[in-house]
Amino acid sequence: MRRWASLFLIAAAMPAVALAASPTALGIFDGWGAFRDPATPRCYALAAPSATIGTPKVKAYASVGYWPKSRIRGQFYVRLSKERAPGRELRLTIGGRRFILTGNGAHGWAGDPRMDAAIVAAMRSAPSMSIESGTATGGAIVDTYRLRGAATAIDAAALGCAKLR
């Protein structure tokens, strides 16, 4: 029940434009949720961090999205728990793999579709992932996510948009 509430709060934190048509839950899988927004159309798998260093300033989440009309599949995105300092590296660690993300402020994403695919592949086989950077005041940003259920949620999101074009 608590996971449902957490995922609902994350979905509620999405921009108002994105929620105008009210996404449909495709399923909740061990803390990861899959949703479909037919108005856009888009589908996404989404989770809140299981641990954060310090006090979060915004509601953090990680997602893997699909936009069939734009032919975007498996795009990784993360909203950090705090604003990242300009010029600070944004590092994603999944198992033994490290990725340097691009982005600005509290937002991060893969540099290209190949990196998206590598991130999703790593997510499928690791127990957790962490995103690390630093704030303008010198504080640490470390958001950790459990990946149990992520592969199933990602697959549910992909299937949820398979017929939307």
N, C-alpha and C. Protein backbone atom coordinates (compact mmCIF):
# COMPACT_ATOMS: atom_id res chain seq x y z
N MET A 1 0.82 -1.19 0.00
CA MET A 1 0.00 0.00 0.00
C MET A 1 0.86 1.25 0.00
N ARG A 2 1.96 1.21 0.77
CA ARG A 2 2.84 2.38 0.86
C ARG A 2 3.48 2.68 -0.50
N ARG A 3 3.84 1.60 -1.25
CA ARG A 3 4.43 1.81 -2.56
C ARG A 3 3.45 2.46 -3.51
N TRP A 4 2.18 2.04 -3.46
CA TRP A 4 1.15 2.67 -4.28
C TRP A 4 1.09 4.16 -3.99
N ALA A 5 1.10 4.50 -2.70
CA ALA A 5 1.02 5.90 -2.29
C ALA A 5 2.23 6.67 -2.79
N SER A 6 3.42 6.09 -2.68
CA SER A 6 4.64 6.76 -3.15
C SER A 6 4.58 7.00 -4.64
N LEU A 7 4.18 5.98 -5.41
CA LEU A 7 4.12 6.13 -6.85
C LEU A 7 3.02 7.10 -7.27
N PHE A 8 1.92 7.12 -6.53
CA PHE A 8 0.87 8.09 -6.82
C PHE A 8 1.39 9.51 -6.60
N LEU A 9 2.14 9.71 -5.52
CA LEU A 9 2.70 11.04 -5.25
C LEU A 9 3.68 11.46 -6.33
N ILE A 10 4.47 10.51 -6.83
CA ILE A 10 5.40 10.83 -7.92
C ILE A 10 4.62 11.23 -9.16
N ALA A 11 3.60 10.44 -9.50
CA ALA A 11 2.80 10.77 -10.67
C ALA A 11 2.12 12.13 -10.50
N ALA A 12 1.71 12.44 -9.27
CA ALA A 12 1.09 13.74 -9.00
C ALA A 12 2.08 14.87 -9.14
N ALA A 13 3.35 14.59 -8.96
CA ALA A 13 4.38 15.62 -9.06
C ALA A 13 4.77 15.91 -10.50
N MET A 14 4.34 15.09 -11.45
CA MET A 14 4.65 15.32 -12.86
C MET A 14 4.00 16.64 -13.29
N PRO A 15 4.56 17.28 -14.32
CA PRO A 15 3.99 18.56 -14.77
C PRO A 15 2.51 18.44 -15.11
N ALA A 16 1.77 19.51 -14.85
CA ALA A 16 0.32 19.52 -15.05
C ALA A 16 -0.06 19.22 -16.49
N VAL A 17 0.72 19.69 -17.45
CA VAL A 17 0.42 19.44 -18.85
C VAL A 17 0.47 17.94 -19.13
N ALA A 18 1.45 17.26 -18.53
CA ALA A 18 1.60 15.83 -18.76
C ALA A 18 0.45 15.04 -18.15
N LEU A 19 -0.16 15.58 -17.12
CA LEU A 19 -1.23 14.87 -16.43
C LEU A 19 -2.63 15.28 -16.87
N ALA A 20 -2.73 16.13 -17.87
CA ALA A 20 -4.03 16.64 -18.28
C ALA A 20 -5.02 15.53 -18.62
N ALA A 21 -4.54 14.43 -19.20
CA ALA A 21 -5.44 13.35 -19.58
C ALA A 21 -5.44 12.22 -18.58
N SER A 22 -4.77 12.38 -17.48
CA SER A 22 -4.76 11.41 -16.39
C SER A 22 -4.21 10.06 -16.83
N PRO A 23 -2.96 9.79 -16.52
CA PRO A 23 -2.34 8.51 -16.89
C PRO A 23 -3.05 7.32 -16.26
N THR A 24 -2.99 6.21 -16.94
CA THR A 24 -3.55 4.95 -16.48
C THR A 24 -2.44 4.09 -15.91
N ALA A 25 -2.63 3.55 -14.73
CA ALA A 25 -1.65 2.65 -14.15
C ALA A 25 -1.71 1.31 -14.88
N LEU A 26 -0.55 0.85 -15.35
CA LEU A 26 -0.45 -0.44 -16.01
C LEU A 26 -0.07 -1.53 -15.01
N GLY A 27 0.49 -1.11 -13.88
CA GLY A 27 0.85 -2.06 -12.84
C GLY A 27 1.92 -1.51 -11.92
N ILE A 28 2.00 -2.08 -10.73
CA ILE A 28 3.03 -1.73 -9.75
C ILE A 28 3.84 -3.00 -9.51
N PHE A 29 5.14 -2.90 -9.61
CA PHE A 29 6.02 -4.06 -9.54
C PHE A 29 7.16 -3.77 -8.56
N ASP A 30 6.98 -4.16 -7.30
CA ASP A 30 8.02 -4.00 -6.27
C ASP A 30 8.58 -2.58 -6.20
N GLY A 31 7.74 -1.61 -6.16
CA GLY A 31 8.19 -0.22 -6.01
C GLY A 31 8.35 0.53 -7.31
N TRP A 32 8.30 -0.15 -8.43
CA TRP A 32 8.32 0.50 -9.74
C TRP A 32 6.91 0.45 -10.31
N GLY A 33 6.46 1.54 -10.89
CA GLY A 33 5.14 1.59 -11.50
C GLY A 33 5.27 1.77 -13.00
N ALA A 34 4.29 1.30 -13.73
CA ALA A 34 4.20 1.50 -15.18
C ALA A 34 2.90 2.24 -15.45
N PHE A 35 2.97 3.27 -16.29
CA PHE A 35 1.82 4.12 -16.58
C PHE A 35 1.72 4.40 -18.07
N ARG A 36 0.48 4.66 -18.53
CA ARG A 36 0.23 5.03 -19.92
C ARG A 36 -0.55 6.34 -19.92
N ASP A 37 -0.11 7.27 -20.75
CA ASP A 37 -0.80 8.54 -20.93
C ASP A 37 -1.21 8.62 -22.41
N PRO A 38 -2.43 8.19 -22.74
CA PRO A 38 -2.83 8.12 -24.15
C PRO A 38 -2.97 9.49 -24.82
N ALA A 39 -3.13 10.55 -24.06
CA ALA A 39 -3.28 11.88 -24.66
C ALA A 39 -2.00 12.33 -25.34
N THR A 40 -0.84 11.93 -24.83
CA THR A 40 0.44 12.41 -25.36
C THR A 40 0.82 11.74 -26.68
N PRO A 41 0.73 10.51 -27.00
CA PRO A 41 0.73 9.32 -26.16
C PRO A 41 2.16 8.99 -25.70
N ARG A 42 2.22 8.43 -24.49
CA ARG A 42 3.50 8.01 -23.93
C ARG A 42 3.24 7.00 -22.83
N CYS A 43 4.27 6.22 -22.52
CA CYS A 43 4.22 5.26 -21.42
C CYS A 43 5.55 5.36 -20.70
N TYR A 44 5.54 5.04 -19.42
CA TYR A 44 6.78 5.14 -18.66
C TYR A 44 6.76 4.24 -17.44
N ALA A 45 7.96 3.80 -17.06
CA ALA A 45 8.19 3.09 -15.80
C ALA A 45 8.83 4.10 -14.88
N LEU A 46 8.47 4.06 -13.60
CA LEU A 46 8.84 5.15 -12.69
C LEU A 46 9.02 4.63 -11.28
N ALA A 47 9.99 5.20 -10.55
CA ALA A 47 10.19 4.83 -9.14
C ALA A 47 10.77 6.01 -8.38
N ALA A 48 10.50 6.03 -7.09
CA ALA A 48 11.09 6.99 -6.17
C ALA A 48 12.35 6.37 -5.58
N PRO A 49 13.31 7.19 -5.15
CA PRO A 49 14.51 6.62 -4.54
C PRO A 49 14.19 5.91 -3.23
N SER A 50 14.93 4.85 -2.95
CA SER A 50 14.76 4.13 -1.68
C SER A 50 15.56 4.81 -0.58
N ALA A 51 16.57 5.59 -0.96
CA ALA A 51 17.38 6.32 0.02
C ALA A 51 17.94 7.58 -0.64
N THR A 52 18.06 8.63 0.16
CA THR A 52 18.60 9.90 -0.29
C THR A 52 19.51 10.43 0.82
N ILE A 53 20.66 10.98 0.44
CA ILE A 53 21.55 11.60 1.42
C ILE A 53 21.03 13.01 1.70
N GLY A 54 20.85 13.34 2.96
CA GLY A 54 20.39 14.68 3.34
C GLY A 54 18.90 14.86 3.12
N THR A 55 18.48 16.12 3.20
CA THR A 55 17.07 16.47 3.06
C THR A 55 16.76 16.79 1.60
N PRO A 56 15.83 16.06 0.97
CA PRO A 56 15.47 16.35 -0.41
C PRO A 56 14.83 17.73 -0.54
N LYS A 57 15.11 18.41 -1.64
CA LYS A 57 14.50 19.71 -1.93
C LYS A 57 13.33 19.59 -2.90
N VAL A 58 13.34 18.55 -3.72
CA VAL A 58 12.24 18.26 -4.65
C VAL A 58 11.97 16.76 -4.61
N LYS A 59 10.83 16.35 -5.12
CA LYS A 59 10.47 14.93 -5.18
C LYS A 59 11.27 14.27 -6.31
N ALA A 60 12.20 13.42 -5.93
CA ALA A 60 13.07 12.76 -6.91
C ALA A 60 12.39 11.52 -7.49
N TYR A 61 12.74 11.17 -8.73
CA TYR A 61 12.30 9.94 -9.34
C TYR A 61 13.19 9.60 -10.53
N ALA A 62 13.18 8.34 -10.89
CA ALA A 62 13.86 7.86 -12.11
C ALA A 62 12.79 7.24 -12.99
N SER A 63 12.96 7.38 -14.30
CA SER A 63 11.97 6.83 -15.21
C SER A 63 12.62 6.34 -16.50
N VAL A 64 11.90 5.46 -17.17
CA VAL A 64 12.25 5.00 -18.51
C VAL A 64 10.99 5.20 -19.33
N GLY A 65 11.08 6.02 -20.38
CA GLY A 65 9.89 6.41 -21.12
C GLY A 65 9.86 5.98 -22.56
N TYR A 66 8.64 5.95 -23.10
CA TYR A 66 8.36 5.57 -24.49
C TYR A 66 7.39 6.59 -25.08
N TRP A 67 7.76 7.18 -26.23
CA TRP A 67 6.91 8.12 -26.96
C TRP A 67 6.78 7.57 -28.38
N PRO A 68 5.75 6.74 -28.65
CA PRO A 68 5.67 6.08 -29.95
C PRO A 68 5.59 7.02 -31.16
N LYS A 69 4.90 8.14 -31.04
CA LYS A 69 4.80 9.06 -32.18
C LYS A 69 6.14 9.68 -32.53
N SER A 70 7.01 9.84 -31.54
CA SER A 70 8.35 10.39 -31.78
C SER A 70 9.40 9.31 -31.98
N ARG A 71 8.96 8.06 -31.95
CA ARG A 71 9.85 6.90 -32.09
C ARG A 71 10.96 6.87 -31.05
N ILE A 72 10.61 7.28 -29.86
CA ILE A 72 11.55 7.25 -28.72
C ILE A 72 11.18 6.06 -27.87
N ARG A 73 12.18 5.19 -27.64
CA ARG A 73 11.93 3.98 -26.86
C ARG A 73 13.02 3.82 -25.81
N GLY A 74 12.61 3.56 -24.58
CA GLY A 74 13.56 3.27 -23.52
C GLY A 74 14.44 4.43 -23.11
N GLN A 75 13.88 5.63 -23.05
CA GLN A 75 14.65 6.82 -22.70
C GLN A 75 14.74 6.99 -21.19
N PHE A 76 15.95 7.02 -20.66
CA PHE A 76 16.18 7.16 -19.22
C PHE A 76 16.16 8.63 -18.82
N TYR A 77 15.53 8.91 -17.69
CA TYR A 77 15.47 10.27 -17.14
C TYR A 77 15.49 10.18 -15.62
N VAL A 78 16.13 11.13 -14.98
CA VAL A 78 16.13 11.19 -13.52
C VAL A 78 15.93 12.63 -13.07
N ARG A 79 15.09 12.79 -12.05
CA ARG A 79 14.98 14.08 -11.38
C ARG A 79 15.62 13.88 -10.01
N LEU A 80 16.64 14.68 -9.75
CA LEU A 80 17.42 14.57 -8.51
C LEU A 80 16.66 15.14 -7.33
N SER A 81 17.07 14.75 -6.14
CA SER A 81 16.44 15.24 -4.92
C SER A 81 16.86 16.66 -4.58
N LYS A 82 17.94 17.13 -5.20
CA LYS A 82 18.44 18.50 -4.98
C LYS A 82 18.97 19.04 -6.30
N GLU A 83 19.03 20.35 -6.39
CA GLU A 83 19.57 21.03 -7.56
C GLU A 83 21.08 20.79 -7.65
N ARG A 84 21.54 20.39 -8.82
CA ARG A 84 22.96 20.13 -9.05
C ARG A 84 23.66 21.43 -9.40
N ALA A 85 24.88 21.59 -8.90
CA ALA A 85 25.68 22.77 -9.21
C ALA A 85 26.09 22.75 -10.69
N PRO A 86 26.11 23.90 -11.34
CA PRO A 86 26.56 23.96 -12.74
C PRO A 86 28.00 23.42 -12.85
N GLY A 87 28.22 22.63 -13.88
CA GLY A 87 29.56 22.10 -14.11
C GLY A 87 29.91 20.86 -13.31
N ARG A 88 29.07 20.45 -12.39
CA ARG A 88 29.34 19.24 -11.61
C ARG A 88 28.93 18.00 -12.41
N GLU A 89 29.76 17.00 -12.35
CA GLU A 89 29.48 15.74 -13.04
C GLU A 89 28.27 15.05 -12.42
N LEU A 90 27.47 14.41 -13.24
CA LEU A 90 26.31 13.65 -12.79
C LEU A 90 26.57 12.19 -13.15
N ARG A 91 26.84 11.38 -12.12
CA ARG A 91 27.27 10.00 -12.31
C ARG A 91 26.18 9.02 -11.89
N LEU A 92 25.86 8.09 -12.78
CA LEU A 92 24.91 7.02 -12.52
C LEU A 92 25.71 5.73 -12.40
N THR A 93 25.54 5.01 -11.29
CA THR A 93 26.22 3.73 -11.10
C THR A 93 25.17 2.64 -10.97
N ILE A 94 25.30 1.62 -11.83
CA ILE A 94 24.38 0.47 -11.82
C ILE A 94 25.26 -0.78 -11.80
N GLY A 95 25.25 -1.48 -10.67
CA GLY A 95 26.15 -2.63 -10.54
C GLY A 95 27.58 -2.13 -10.71
N GLY A 96 28.33 -2.74 -11.59
CA GLY A 96 29.70 -2.31 -11.86
C GLY A 96 29.83 -1.32 -12.99
N ARG A 97 28.71 -0.87 -13.57
CA ARG A 97 28.74 0.07 -14.70
C ARG A 97 28.55 1.49 -14.23
N ARG A 98 29.29 2.41 -14.83
CA ARG A 98 29.15 3.84 -14.54
C ARG A 98 28.82 4.58 -15.82
N PHE A 99 27.90 5.54 -15.68
CA PHE A 99 27.49 6.36 -16.81
C PHE A 99 27.56 7.82 -16.37
N ILE A 100 28.05 8.68 -17.24
CA ILE A 100 28.04 10.12 -16.99
C ILE A 100 26.84 10.68 -17.74
N LEU A 101 25.87 11.18 -16.98
CA LEU A 101 24.65 11.73 -17.56
C LEU A 101 24.83 13.19 -17.91
N THR A 102 23.97 13.68 -18.75
CA THR A 102 23.92 15.09 -19.07
C THR A 102 22.68 15.67 -18.40
N GLY A 103 22.51 16.97 -18.45
CA GLY A 103 21.32 17.58 -17.85
C GLY A 103 21.65 18.92 -17.23
N ASN A 104 20.69 19.43 -16.46
CA ASN A 104 20.89 20.70 -15.78
C ASN A 104 20.03 20.74 -14.53
N GLY A 105 20.44 21.53 -13.57
CA GLY A 105 19.66 21.67 -12.35
C GLY A 105 19.41 20.32 -11.70
N ALA A 106 18.15 20.00 -11.50
CA ALA A 106 17.77 18.74 -10.87
C ALA A 106 17.42 17.66 -11.89
N HIS A 107 17.75 17.86 -13.16
CA HIS A 107 17.36 16.95 -14.23
C HIS A 107 18.58 16.28 -14.85
N GLY A 108 18.45 15.00 -15.17
CA GLY A 108 19.53 14.28 -15.83
C GLY A 108 18.99 13.25 -16.80
N TRP A 109 19.75 12.99 -17.86
CA TRP A 109 19.34 12.01 -18.85
C TRP A 109 20.57 11.49 -19.57
N ALA A 110 20.39 10.40 -20.29
CA ALA A 110 21.47 9.81 -21.07
C ALA A 110 21.84 10.74 -22.22
N GLY A 111 23.09 10.64 -22.67
CA GLY A 111 23.56 11.51 -23.74
C GLY A 111 23.03 11.13 -25.12
N ASP A 112 22.65 9.86 -25.31
CA ASP A 112 22.18 9.42 -26.61
C ASP A 112 21.42 8.09 -26.46
N PRO A 113 20.74 7.65 -27.52
CA PRO A 113 19.97 6.40 -27.44
C PRO A 113 20.80 5.17 -27.09
N ARG A 114 22.06 5.13 -27.50
CA ARG A 114 22.92 3.98 -27.15
C ARG A 114 23.13 3.91 -25.65
N MET A 115 23.34 5.07 -25.03
CA MET A 115 23.51 5.09 -23.58
C MET A 115 22.20 4.71 -22.90
N ASP A 116 21.07 5.18 -23.42
CA ASP A 116 19.77 4.76 -22.88
C ASP A 116 19.67 3.24 -22.86
N ALA A 117 20.00 2.60 -23.98
CA ALA A 117 19.91 1.15 -24.10
C ALA A 117 20.86 0.46 -23.11
N ALA A 118 22.06 0.98 -22.95
CA ALA A 118 23.02 0.39 -22.01
C ALA A 118 22.54 0.54 -20.57
N ILE A 119 21.95 1.68 -20.25
CA ILE A 119 21.42 1.91 -18.89
C ILE A 119 20.28 0.93 -18.61
N VAL A 120 19.34 0.80 -19.53
CA VAL A 120 18.21 -0.11 -19.33
C VAL A 120 18.72 -1.55 -19.21
N ALA A 121 19.67 -1.94 -20.02
CA ALA A 121 20.24 -3.30 -19.92
C ALA A 121 20.88 -3.52 -18.55
N ALA A 122 21.62 -2.54 -18.06
CA ALA A 122 22.25 -2.65 -16.74
C ALA A 122 21.20 -2.71 -15.64
N MET A 123 20.13 -1.94 -15.78
CA MET A 123 19.05 -1.94 -14.79
C MET A 123 18.41 -3.32 -14.66
N ARG A 124 18.37 -4.07 -15.74
CA ARG A 124 17.73 -5.38 -15.75
C ARG A 124 18.50 -6.42 -14.94
N SER A 125 19.79 -6.20 -14.71
CA SER A 125 20.59 -7.24 -14.06
C SER A 125 21.22 -6.82 -12.73
N ALA A 126 20.98 -5.63 -12.26
CA ALA A 126 21.58 -5.16 -11.02
C ALA A 126 20.51 -5.02 -9.93
N PRO A 127 20.91 -5.11 -8.67
CA PRO A 127 19.94 -4.96 -7.58
C PRO A 127 19.61 -3.51 -7.24
N SER A 128 20.52 -2.58 -7.58
CA SER A 128 20.27 -1.17 -7.24
C SER A 128 21.08 -0.26 -8.16
N MET A 129 20.73 1.02 -8.11
CA MET A 129 21.48 2.05 -8.85
C MET A 129 21.54 3.29 -7.99
N SER A 130 22.57 4.10 -8.20
CA SER A 130 22.68 5.36 -7.47
C SER A 130 23.09 6.46 -8.43
N ILE A 131 22.60 7.65 -8.15
CA ILE A 131 22.92 8.83 -8.92
C ILE A 131 23.62 9.79 -7.97
N GLU A 132 24.79 10.29 -8.37
CA GLU A 132 25.60 11.13 -7.49
C GLU A 132 26.06 12.39 -8.20
N SER A 133 26.06 13.48 -7.44
CA SER A 133 26.60 14.75 -7.90
C SER A 133 26.80 15.63 -6.68
N GLY A 134 26.93 16.93 -6.91
CA GLY A 134 27.10 17.86 -5.81
C GLY A 134 26.28 19.12 -5.99
N THR A 135 25.96 19.77 -4.89
CA THR A 135 25.18 21.01 -4.91
C THR A 135 26.12 22.21 -5.00
N ALA A 136 25.56 23.37 -5.24
CA ALA A 136 26.34 24.60 -5.32
C ALA A 136 26.99 24.96 -3.98
N THR A 137 26.40 24.50 -2.88
CA THR A 137 26.95 24.79 -1.56
C THR A 137 27.95 23.75 -1.10
N GLY A 138 28.28 22.80 -1.98
CA GLY A 138 29.27 21.77 -1.64
C GLY A 138 28.68 20.51 -1.05
N GLY A 139 27.36 20.44 -0.92
CA GLY A 139 26.71 19.25 -0.38
C GLY A 139 26.66 18.13 -1.40
N ALA A 140 26.46 16.94 -0.90
CA ALA A 140 26.38 15.76 -1.77
C ALA A 140 24.95 15.49 -2.20
N ILE A 141 24.82 15.01 -3.41
CA ILE A 141 23.55 14.49 -3.91
C ILE A 141 23.79 13.01 -4.18
N VAL A 142 23.08 12.17 -3.47
CA VAL A 142 23.14 10.72 -3.69
C VAL A 142 21.73 10.18 -3.53
N ASP A 143 21.16 9.75 -4.63
CA ASP A 143 19.83 9.13 -4.64
C ASP A 143 20.02 7.68 -5.06
N THR A 144 19.53 6.76 -4.24
CA THR A 144 19.68 5.33 -4.49
C THR A 144 18.32 4.70 -4.77
N TYR A 145 18.28 3.84 -5.77
CA TYR A 145 17.05 3.18 -6.19
C TYR A 145 17.22 1.67 -6.14
N ARG A 146 16.23 0.97 -5.61
CA ARG A 146 16.18 -0.48 -5.73
C ARG A 146 15.66 -0.80 -7.12
N LEU A 147 16.22 -1.81 -7.73
CA LEU A 147 15.83 -2.15 -9.11
C LEU A 147 14.94 -3.38 -9.21
N ARG A 148 14.58 -3.95 -8.08
CA ARG A 148 13.67 -5.09 -8.12
C ARG A 148 12.32 -4.61 -8.67
N GLY A 149 11.85 -5.23 -9.71
CA GLY A 149 10.60 -4.83 -10.35
C GLY A 149 10.79 -3.86 -11.51
N ALA A 150 11.98 -3.28 -11.65
CA ALA A 150 12.22 -2.30 -12.71
C ALA A 150 12.06 -2.92 -14.09
N ALA A 151 12.64 -4.09 -14.33
CA ALA A 151 12.56 -4.73 -15.64
C ALA A 151 11.10 -5.01 -16.03
N THR A 152 10.31 -5.48 -15.09
CA THR A 152 8.91 -5.78 -15.36
C THR A 152 8.14 -4.50 -15.66
N ALA A 153 8.40 -3.44 -14.90
CA ALA A 153 7.73 -2.15 -15.14
C ALA A 153 8.13 -1.57 -16.49
N ILE A 154 9.41 -1.68 -16.84
CA ILE A 154 9.88 -1.18 -18.14
C ILE A 154 9.20 -1.95 -19.26
N ASP A 155 9.11 -3.28 -19.12
CA ASP A 155 8.43 -4.09 -20.14
C ASP A 155 6.95 -3.75 -20.23
N ALA A 156 6.31 -3.53 -19.08
CA ALA A 156 4.89 -3.16 -19.08
C ALA A 156 4.67 -1.82 -19.78
N ALA A 157 5.58 -0.86 -19.55
CA ALA A 157 5.47 0.43 -20.23
C ALA A 157 5.66 0.28 -21.73
N ALA A 158 6.63 -0.54 -22.15
CA ALA A 158 6.87 -0.77 -23.57
C ALA A 158 5.64 -1.41 -24.22
N LEU A 159 5.07 -2.41 -23.57
CA LEU A 159 3.88 -3.06 -24.09
C LEU A 159 2.67 -2.13 -24.08
N GLY A 160 2.59 -1.27 -23.08
CA GLY A 160 1.48 -0.33 -22.97
C GLY A 160 1.43 0.66 -24.11
N CYS A 161 2.58 0.93 -24.71
CA CYS A 161 2.62 1.86 -25.84
C CYS A 161 2.82 1.17 -27.18
N ALA A 162 2.87 -0.14 -27.18
CA ALA A 162 3.12 -0.88 -28.43
C ALA A 162 2.06 -0.60 -29.49
N LYS A 163 0.81 -0.37 -29.08
CA LYS A 163 -0.27 -0.14 -30.04
C LYS A 163 -0.61 1.34 -30.20
N LEU A 164 0.03 2.21 -29.40
CA LEU A 164 -0.23 3.66 -29.52
C LEU A 164 0.71 4.23 -30.58
N ARG A 165 0.17 4.81 -31.61
CA ARG A 165 1.02 5.40 -32.66
C ARG A 165 0.41 6.64 -33.21
